């Protein structure tokens, strides 16, 4: 199914990072539990900064767990290393290193959210250079819209990117449709079928999605695994 191709292993668990900012022990325990639950098929890697790699293993992280190491270090135990770059930066240096890129799609302030056009440019640059990437920050929600920025009761709101938007946009050939899909705010505009996802007359096939997930847009990091799952359930996709 197109839905399964899109969502399988999509959500990297970043419980160490704001706004959750859990202890290593709590985050490791959560990840171990998520791996045993019904939606474990959507769970990706455990995200850990390179400086805390040893702490991860000391707190019960398993060698056979899939891990994403951020910002430096060498791969080991099947870990994958990502290097963060600004959304408008060239990806040529990362391409030369044979590395993967990490892009921020938001934060805790409205100014930290790139425009659909800027994010579309980043996706296009990665596709042209053959650089796989993951997204992080601000992708708790399935579809783009106005949401609160933090868990605080007085939190301001901002227009935030949706993870369905980002990954379906990455499955399109580079062009003006990428930014338009990133800007889509109607959940009903995405129609999931057995072999494709339809979006405003455009058909994104299961094969397109599988190729994108394998070679370009790998995953997104979220400090919560439950929230994206709940969003998908509310849309009738799970």
C-alpha atoms as a PDB file:
ATOM      1  CA  UNK A   1       0.000   0.000   0.000  1.00  0.00           C
ATOM      2  CA  UNK A   2       1.147   3.540  -0.725  1.00  0.00           C
ATOM      3  CA  UNK A   3       0.403   4.521   2.872  1.00  0.00           C
ATOM      4  CA  UNK A   4       2.682   1.793   4.224  1.00  0.00           C
ATOM      5  CA  UNK A   5       5.504   2.713   1.837  1.00  0.00           C
ATOM      6  CA  UNK A   6       5.289   6.301   3.048  1.00  0.00           C
ATOM      7  CA  UNK A   7       5.059   5.658   6.787  1.00  0.00           C
ATOM      8  CA  UNK A   8       7.265   2.610   7.360  1.00  0.00           C
ATOM      9  CA  UNK A   9      10.153   3.602   9.667  1.00  0.00           C
ATOM     10  CA  UNK A  10       9.361   7.272   9.065  1.00  0.00           C
ATOM     11  CA  UNK A  11       9.494   8.619  12.645  1.00  0.00           C
ATOM     12  CA  UNK A  12      12.896   8.812  14.298  1.00  0.00           C
ATOM     13  CA  UNK A  13      12.521   9.154  18.057  1.00  0.00           C
ATOM     14  CA  UNK A  14      14.173  12.327  19.395  1.00  0.00           C
ATOM     15  CA  UNK A  15      12.924  12.314  22.969  1.00  0.00           C
ATOM     16  CA  UNK A  16      16.202  13.839  24.199  1.00  0.00           C
ATOM     17  CA  UNK A  17      15.458  17.083  22.381  1.00  0.00           C
ATOM     18  CA  UNK A  18      13.100  20.010  23.143  1.00  0.00           C
ATOM     19  CA  UNK A  19      10.293  20.441  23.768  1.00  0.00           C
ATOM     20  CA  UNK A  20      10.281  16.985  25.428  1.00  0.00           C
ATOM     21  CA  UNK A  21      13.930  17.137  26.585  1.00  0.00           C
ATOM     22  CA  UNK A  22      13.752  13.813  28.436  1.00  0.00           C
ATOM     23  CA  UNK A  23      16.589  12.240  30.349  1.00  0.00           C
ATOM     24  CA  UNK A  24      18.577   9.599  28.488  1.00  0.00           C
ATOM     25  CA  UNK A  25      17.142   6.902  30.768  1.00  0.00           C
ATOM     26  CA  UNK A  26      13.538   7.952  30.098  1.00  0.00           C
ATOM     27  CA  UNK A  27      14.067   8.286  26.345  1.00  0.00           C
ATOM     28  CA  UNK A  28      15.726   4.867  26.097  1.00  0.00           C
ATOM     29  CA  UNK A  29      12.894   3.274  28.061  1.00  0.00           C
ATOM     30  CA  UNK A  30      10.302   4.914  25.817  1.00  0.00           C
ATOM     31  CA  UNK A  31      12.026   3.746  22.655  1.00  0.00           C
ATOM     32  CA  UNK A  32      12.251   0.191  23.935  1.00  0.00           C
ATOM     33  CA  UNK A  33       8.511   0.254  24.668  1.00  0.00           C
ATOM     34  CA  UNK A  34       7.588   1.752  21.290  1.00  0.00           C
ATOM     35  CA  UNK A  35       9.471  -1.092  19.585  1.00  0.00           C
ATOM     36  CA  UNK A  36       7.008  -3.540  21.137  1.00  0.00           C
ATOM     37  CA  UNK A  37       3.786  -1.675  20.322  1.00  0.00           C
ATOM     38  CA  UNK A  38       1.324  -2.021  17.446  1.00  0.00           C
ATOM     39  CA  UNK A  39       2.702   0.918  15.456  1.00  0.00           C
ATOM     40  CA  UNK A  40       6.359  -0.077  15.803  1.00  0.00           C
ATOM     41  CA  UNK A  41       6.511  -0.476  12.020  1.00  0.00           C
ATOM     42  CA  UNK A  42       6.488   3.340  11.750  1.00  0.00           C
ATOM     43  CA  UNK A  43       9.297   3.782  14.284  1.00  0.00           C
ATOM     44  CA  UNK A  44      12.695   4.741  12.861  1.00  0.00           C
ATOM     45  CA  UNK A  45      15.984   5.360  14.603  1.00  0.00           C
ATOM     46  CA  UNK A  46      16.793   6.595  18.093  1.00  0.00           C
ATOM     47  CA  UNK A  47      18.343  10.056  17.682  1.00  0.00           C
ATOM     48  CA  UNK A  48      21.342  10.902  19.871  1.00  0.00           C
ATOM     49  CA  UNK A  49      23.986  13.662  19.704  1.00  0.00           C
ATOM     50  CA  UNK A  50      27.480  12.333  19.060  1.00  0.00           C
ATOM     51  CA  UNK A  51      28.640  13.671  22.450  1.00  0.00           C
ATOM     52  CA  UNK A  52      26.077  11.461  24.237  1.00  0.00           C
ATOM     53  CA  UNK A  53      26.663   8.256  22.292  1.00  0.00           C
ATOM     54  CA  UNK A  54      28.327   6.402  25.188  1.00  0.00           C
ATOM     55  CA  UNK A  55      25.625   7.567  27.613  1.00  0.00           C
ATOM     56  CA  UNK A  56      23.041   5.982  25.329  1.00  0.00           C
ATOM     57  CA  UNK A  57      24.629   2.551  25.645  1.00  0.00           C
ATOM     58  CA  UNK A  58      25.266   2.986  29.366  1.00  0.00           C
ATOM     59  CA  UNK A  59      21.554   3.717  29.928  1.00  0.00           C
ATOM     60  CA  UNK A  60      20.354   0.550  28.245  1.00  0.00           C
ATOM     61  CA  UNK A  61      20.488   1.398  24.561  1.00  0.00           C
ATOM     62  CA  UNK A  62      20.969  -1.812  22.593  1.00  0.00           C
ATOM     63  CA  UNK A  63      23.643  -2.353  19.947  1.00  0.00           C
ATOM     64  CA  UNK A  64      21.056  -3.866  17.612  1.00  0.00           C
ATOM     65  CA  UNK A  65      18.767  -0.806  17.837  1.00  0.00           C
ATOM     66  CA  UNK A  66      18.855   1.505  14.806  1.00  0.00           C
ATOM     67  CA  UNK A  67      20.550   4.770  15.835  1.00  0.00           C
ATOM     68  CA  UNK A  68      21.034   8.160  14.161  1.00  0.00           C
ATOM     69  CA  UNK A  69      24.093  10.077  15.367  1.00  0.00           C
ATOM     70  CA  UNK A  70      23.883  13.839  14.927  1.00  0.00           C
ATOM     71  CA  UNK A  71      26.669  16.217  13.957  1.00  0.00           C
ATOM     72  CA  UNK A  72      29.883  14.302  13.870  1.00  0.00           C
ATOM     73  CA  UNK A  73      31.536  11.065  14.743  1.00  0.00           C
ATOM     74  CA  UNK A  74      32.074   7.908  12.745  1.00  0.00           C
ATOM     75  CA  UNK A  75      29.536   5.207  12.015  1.00  0.00           C
ATOM     76  CA  UNK A  76      29.657   2.016  14.052  1.00  0.00           C
ATOM     77  CA  UNK A  77      27.207  -0.695  15.128  1.00  0.00           C
ATOM     78  CA  UNK A  78      25.095   0.154  12.054  1.00  0.00           C
ATOM     79  CA  UNK A  79      24.628   3.785  13.198  1.00  0.00           C
ATOM     80  CA  UNK A  80      23.893   6.482  10.626  1.00  0.00           C
ATOM     81  CA  UNK A  81      25.509   9.923  10.909  1.00  0.00           C
ATOM     82  CA  UNK A  82      23.702  13.125   9.879  1.00  0.00           C
ATOM     83  CA  UNK A  83      25.169  16.614   9.601  1.00  0.00           C
ATOM     84  CA  UNK A  84      22.878  19.595  10.077  1.00  0.00           C
ATOM     85  CA  UNK A  85      22.973  22.459   7.607  1.00  0.00           C
ATOM     86  CA  UNK A  86      20.795  25.572   7.185  1.00  0.00           C
ATOM     87  CA  UNK A  87      17.939  25.134   4.735  1.00  0.00           C
ATOM     88  CA  UNK A  88      19.461  27.610   2.265  1.00  0.00           C
ATOM     89  CA  UNK A  89      22.972  26.119   2.343  1.00  0.00           C
ATOM     90  CA  UNK A  90      24.684  24.216  -0.439  1.00  0.00           C
ATOM     91  CA  UNK A  91      24.757  20.454   0.017  1.00  0.00           C
ATOM     92  CA  UNK A  92      27.899  20.015  -2.085  1.00  0.00           C
ATOM     93  CA  UNK A  93      30.247  19.532   0.892  1.00  0.00           C
ATOM     94  CA  UNK A  94      27.994  16.876   2.349  1.00  0.00           C
ATOM     95  CA  UNK A  95      27.785  15.209  -1.058  1.00  0.00           C
ATOM     96  CA  UNK A  96      31.587  15.187  -1.301  1.00  0.00           C
ATOM     97  CA  UNK A  97      31.795  13.452   2.080  1.00  0.00           C
ATOM     98  CA  UNK A  98      29.210  10.878   1.104  1.00  0.00           C
ATOM     99  CA  UNK A  99      27.260  11.934   4.201  1.00  0.00           C
ATOM    100  CA  UNK A 100      23.621  12.635   4.950  1.00  0.00           C
ATOM    101  CA  UNK A 101      22.031  16.018   5.664  1.00  0.00           C
ATOM    102  CA  UNK A 102      19.701  17.134   8.426  1.00  0.00           C
ATOM    103  CA  UNK A 103      17.423  20.142   7.923  1.00  0.00           C
ATOM    104  CA  UNK A 104      15.358  22.004  10.498  1.00  0.00           C
ATOM    105  CA  UNK A 105      11.764  22.522   9.445  1.00  0.00           C
ATOM    106  CA  UNK A 106      10.813  24.546  12.522  1.00  0.00           C
ATOM    107  CA  UNK A 107      11.509  25.303  16.153  1.00  0.00           C
ATOM    108  CA  UNK A 108       9.930  27.055  19.129  1.00  0.00           C
ATOM    109  CA  UNK A 109       9.695  30.471  17.431  1.00  0.00           C
ATOM    110  CA  UNK A 110       7.823  31.349  14.217  1.00  0.00           C
ATOM    111  CA  UNK A 111      10.982  32.735  12.602  1.00  0.00           C
ATOM    112  CA  UNK A 112      12.552  29.262  12.741  1.00  0.00           C
ATOM    113  CA  UNK A 113      10.120  27.808  10.193  1.00  0.00           C
ATOM    114  CA  UNK A 114      11.395  27.983   6.594  1.00  0.00           C
ATOM    115  CA  UNK A 115       8.961  28.967   3.881  1.00  0.00           C
ATOM    116  CA  UNK A 116       7.585  26.287   1.549  1.00  0.00           C
ATOM    117  CA  UNK A 117       9.746  27.771  -1.201  1.00  0.00           C
ATOM    118  CA  UNK A 118      12.940  27.572   0.877  1.00  0.00           C
ATOM    119  CA  UNK A 119      12.229  24.000   1.934  1.00  0.00           C
ATOM    120  CA  UNK A 120      11.395  23.050  -1.650  1.00  0.00           C
ATOM    121  CA  UNK A 121      14.782  24.458  -2.692  1.00  0.00           C
ATOM    122  CA  UNK A 122      16.554  22.327  -0.106  1.00  0.00           C
ATOM    123  CA  UNK A 123      14.737  19.181  -1.269  1.00  0.00           C
ATOM    124  CA  UNK A 124      15.600  19.980  -4.881  1.00  0.00           C
ATOM    125  CA  UNK A 125      19.286  20.538  -4.044  1.00  0.00           C
ATOM    126  CA  UNK A 126      19.494  17.230  -2.187  1.00  0.00           C
ATOM    127  CA  UNK A 127      17.809  15.398  -5.064  1.00  0.00           C
ATOM    128  CA  UNK A 128      20.168  16.880  -7.647  1.00  0.00           C
ATOM    129  CA  UNK A 129      23.275  16.204  -5.530  1.00  0.00           C
ATOM    130  CA  UNK A 130      22.183  12.721  -4.496  1.00  0.00           C
ATOM    131  CA  UNK A 131      22.279  13.585  -0.772  1.00  0.00           C
ATOM    132  CA  UNK A 132      19.806  11.732   1.474  1.00  0.00           C
ATOM    133  CA  UNK A 133      18.331  13.887   4.209  1.00  0.00           C
ATOM    134  CA  UNK A 134      16.199  13.781   7.304  1.00  0.00           C
ATOM    135  CA  UNK A 135      14.014  16.546   8.703  1.00  0.00           C
ATOM    136  CA  UNK A 136      13.771  17.650  12.289  1.00  0.00           C
ATOM    137  CA  UNK A 137      11.997  20.179  14.507  1.00  0.00           C
ATOM    138  CA  UNK A 138       8.416  21.247  14.035  1.00  0.00           C
ATOM    139  CA  UNK A 139       7.035  18.155  12.275  1.00  0.00           C
ATOM    140  CA  UNK A 140       4.697  16.828  14.965  1.00  0.00           C
ATOM    141  CA  UNK A 141       1.682  17.351  12.713  1.00  0.00           C
ATOM    142  CA  UNK A 142       0.639  15.404   9.658  1.00  0.00           C
ATOM    143  CA  UNK A 143      -0.591  18.304   7.523  1.00  0.00           C
ATOM    144  CA  UNK A 144       0.559  21.920   7.381  1.00  0.00           C
ATOM    145  CA  UNK A 145      -1.477  24.338   9.473  1.00  0.00           C
ATOM    146  CA  UNK A 146      -1.573  26.718  12.426  1.00  0.00           C
ATOM    147  CA  UNK A 147      -0.474  24.983  15.635  1.00  0.00           C
ATOM    148  CA  UNK A 148       0.901  25.840  19.076  1.00  0.00           C
ATOM    149  CA  UNK A 149       4.688  25.891  19.191  1.00  0.00           C
ATOM    150  CA  UNK A 150       5.270  24.250  22.586  1.00  0.00           C
ATOM    151  CA  UNK A 151       3.395  22.377  25.294  1.00  0.00           C
ATOM    152  CA  UNK A 152       3.178  25.488  27.494  1.00  0.00           C
ATOM    153  CA  UNK A 153      -0.416  26.660  28.136  1.00  0.00           C
ATOM    154  CA  UNK A 154       0.474  30.177  26.962  1.00  0.00           C
ATOM    155  CA  UNK A 155       2.418  29.037  23.907  1.00  0.00           C
ATOM    156  CA  UNK A 156       2.095  31.160  20.765  1.00  0.00           C
ATOM    157  CA  UNK A 157       1.039  29.549  17.502  1.00  0.00           C
ATOM    158  CA  UNK A 158       2.581  29.519  14.063  1.00  0.00           C
ATOM    159  CA  UNK A 159       2.048  27.979  10.657  1.00  0.00           C
ATOM    160  CA  UNK A 160       3.942  24.675  10.798  1.00  0.00           C
ATOM    161  CA  UNK A 161       4.949  22.179   8.124  1.00  0.00           C
ATOM    162  CA  UNK A 162       3.242  18.780   7.973  1.00  0.00           C
ATOM    163  CA  UNK A 163       5.204  15.570   7.644  1.00  0.00           C
ATOM    164  CA  UNK A 164       2.846  14.205   4.978  1.00  0.00           C
ATOM    165  CA  UNK A 165       3.477  17.383   2.975  1.00  0.00           C
ATOM    166  CA  UNK A 166       7.253  17.116   3.290  1.00  0.00           C
ATOM    167  CA  UNK A 167       7.609  13.489   2.292  1.00  0.00           C
ATOM    168  CA  UNK A 168       5.029  13.484  -0.474  1.00  0.00           C
ATOM    169  CA  UNK A 169       6.625  16.659  -1.877  1.00  0.00           C
ATOM    170  CA  UNK A 170       9.998  14.895  -1.886  1.00  0.00           C
ATOM    171  CA  UNK A 171       8.474  12.123  -4.020  1.00  0.00           C
ATOM    172  CA  UNK A 172       7.628  14.595  -6.799  1.00  0.00           C
ATOM    173  CA  UNK A 173      10.099  15.454  -9.558  1.00  0.00           C
ATOM    174  CA  UNK A 174      11.815  18.763  -8.651  1.00  0.00           C
ATOM    175  CA  UNK A 175       9.664  21.659  -9.840  1.00  0.00           C
ATOM    176  CA  UNK A 176       7.062  24.268  -8.827  1.00  0.00           C
ATOM    177  CA  UNK A 177       4.664  21.596  -7.550  1.00  0.00           C
ATOM    178  CA  UNK A 178       7.036  20.844  -4.659  1.00  0.00           C
ATOM    179  CA  UNK A 179       6.449  24.194  -2.923  1.00  0.00           C
ATOM    180  CA  UNK A 180       2.710  24.025  -3.689  1.00  0.00           C
ATOM    181  CA  UNK A 181       2.406  20.617  -2.030  1.00  0.00           C
ATOM    182  CA  UNK A 182       4.448  21.797   0.955  1.00  0.00           C
ATOM    183  CA  UNK A 183       1.972  24.681   1.346  1.00  0.00           C
ATOM    184  CA  UNK A 184      -1.125  22.442   1.203  1.00  0.00           C
ATOM    185  CA  UNK A 185      -3.297  22.818   4.322  1.00  0.00           C
ATOM    186  CA  UNK A 186      -6.307  20.641   3.497  1.00  0.00           C
ATOM    187  CA  UNK A 187      -6.081  17.046   4.776  1.00  0.00           C
ATOM    188  CA  UNK A 188      -8.788  16.108   2.280  1.00  0.00           C
ATOM    189  CA  UNK A 189      -6.475  17.027  -0.598  1.00  0.00           C
ATOM    190  CA  UNK A 190      -4.463  13.846   0.071  1.00  0.00           C
ATOM    191  CA  UNK A 191      -6.268  10.685  -1.082  1.00  0.00           C
ATOM    192  CA  UNK A 192      -4.460   7.466  -0.181  1.00  0.00           C
ATOM    193  CA  UNK A 193      -5.066   4.456  -2.418  1.00  0.00           C
ATOM    194  CA  UNK A 194      -3.559   1.020  -2.772  1.00  0.00           C
ATOM    195  CA  UNK A 195      -1.018   1.970  -5.427  1.00  0.00           C
ATOM    196  CA  UNK A 196      -0.743   5.757  -5.209  1.00  0.00           C
ATOM    197  CA  UNK A 197      -1.526   8.947  -3.326  1.00  0.00           C
ATOM    198  CA  UNK A 198      -3.601  11.485  -5.245  1.00  0.00           C
ATOM    199  CA  UNK A 199      -3.116  15.195  -4.641  1.00  0.00           C
ATOM    200  CA  UNK A 200      -5.076  17.782  -6.654  1.00  0.00           C
ATOM    201  CA  UNK A 201      -4.922  15.824  -9.884  1.00  0.00           C
ATOM    202  CA  UNK A 202      -1.342  14.633  -9.346  1.00  0.00           C
ATOM    203  CA  UNK A 203      -0.711  10.916  -8.813  1.00  0.00           C
ATOM    204  CA  UNK A 204       2.264   9.945  -6.628  1.00  0.00           C
ATOM    205  CA  UNK A 205       2.801   6.223  -7.099  1.00  0.00           C
ATOM    206  CA  UNK A 206       3.851   3.666  -4.536  1.00  0.00           C
ATOM    207  CA  UNK A 207       7.037   3.169  -6.560  1.00  0.00           C
ATOM    208  CA  UNK A 208       7.775   6.918  -6.441  1.00  0.00           C
ATOM    209  CA  UNK A 209       7.304   6.895  -2.684  1.00  0.00           C
ATOM    210  CA  UNK A 210       9.475   3.807  -2.159  1.00  0.00           C
ATOM    211  CA  UNK A 211      12.313   5.307  -4.212  1.00  0.00           C
ATOM    212  CA  UNK A 212      12.075   8.609  -2.321  1.00  0.00           C
ATOM    213  CA  UNK A 213      12.197   6.915   1.080  1.00  0.00           C
ATOM    214  CA  UNK A 214      15.143   4.739   0.066  1.00  0.00           C
ATOM    215  CA  UNK A 215      17.330   7.365  -1.561  1.00  0.00           C
ATOM    216  CA  UNK A 216      16.261  10.901  -0.639  1.00  0.00           C
ATOM    217  CA  UNK A 217      13.904  11.738   2.247  1.00  0.00           C
ATOM    218  CA  UNK A 218      14.777   9.136   4.852  1.00  0.00           C
ATOM    219  CA  UNK A 219      12.855  10.106   7.994  1.00  0.00           C
ATOM    220  CA  UNK A 220      11.939  12.886  10.371  1.00  0.00           C
ATOM    221  CA  UNK A 221      12.854  13.320  14.011  1.00  0.00           C
ATOM    222  CA  UNK A 222      10.151  13.919  16.583  1.00  0.00           C
ATOM    223  CA  UNK A 223      10.492  14.265  20.352  1.00  0.00           C
ATOM    224  CA  UNK A 224       7.156  12.444  20.541  1.00  0.00           C
ATOM    225  CA  UNK A 225       6.250   9.195  18.813  1.00  0.00           C
ATOM    226  CA  UNK A 226       2.678   9.204  20.113  1.00  0.00           C
ATOM    227  CA  UNK A 227       1.693  12.589  18.650  1.00  0.00           C
ATOM    228  CA  UNK A 228       2.361  11.797  14.976  1.00  0.00           C
ATOM    229  CA  UNK A 229       0.629   8.430  15.422  1.00  0.00           C
ATOM    230  CA  UNK A 230      -2.395  10.155  16.978  1.00  0.00           C
ATOM    231  CA  UNK A 231      -2.513  12.659  14.101  1.00  0.00           C
ATOM    232  CA  UNK A 232      -2.578   9.839  11.558  1.00  0.00           C
ATOM    233  CA  UNK A 233      -5.308   8.056  13.500  1.00  0.00           C
ATOM    234  CA  UNK A 234      -7.403  11.236  13.553  1.00  0.00           C
ATOM    235  CA  UNK A 235      -7.115  11.398   9.757  1.00  0.00           C
ATOM    236  CA  UNK A 236      -8.211   7.772   9.382  1.00  0.00           C
ATOM    237  CA  UNK A 237      -4.840   6.657   8.019  1.00  0.00           C
ATOM    238  CA  UNK A 238      -4.193   4.098  10.779  1.00  0.00           C
END
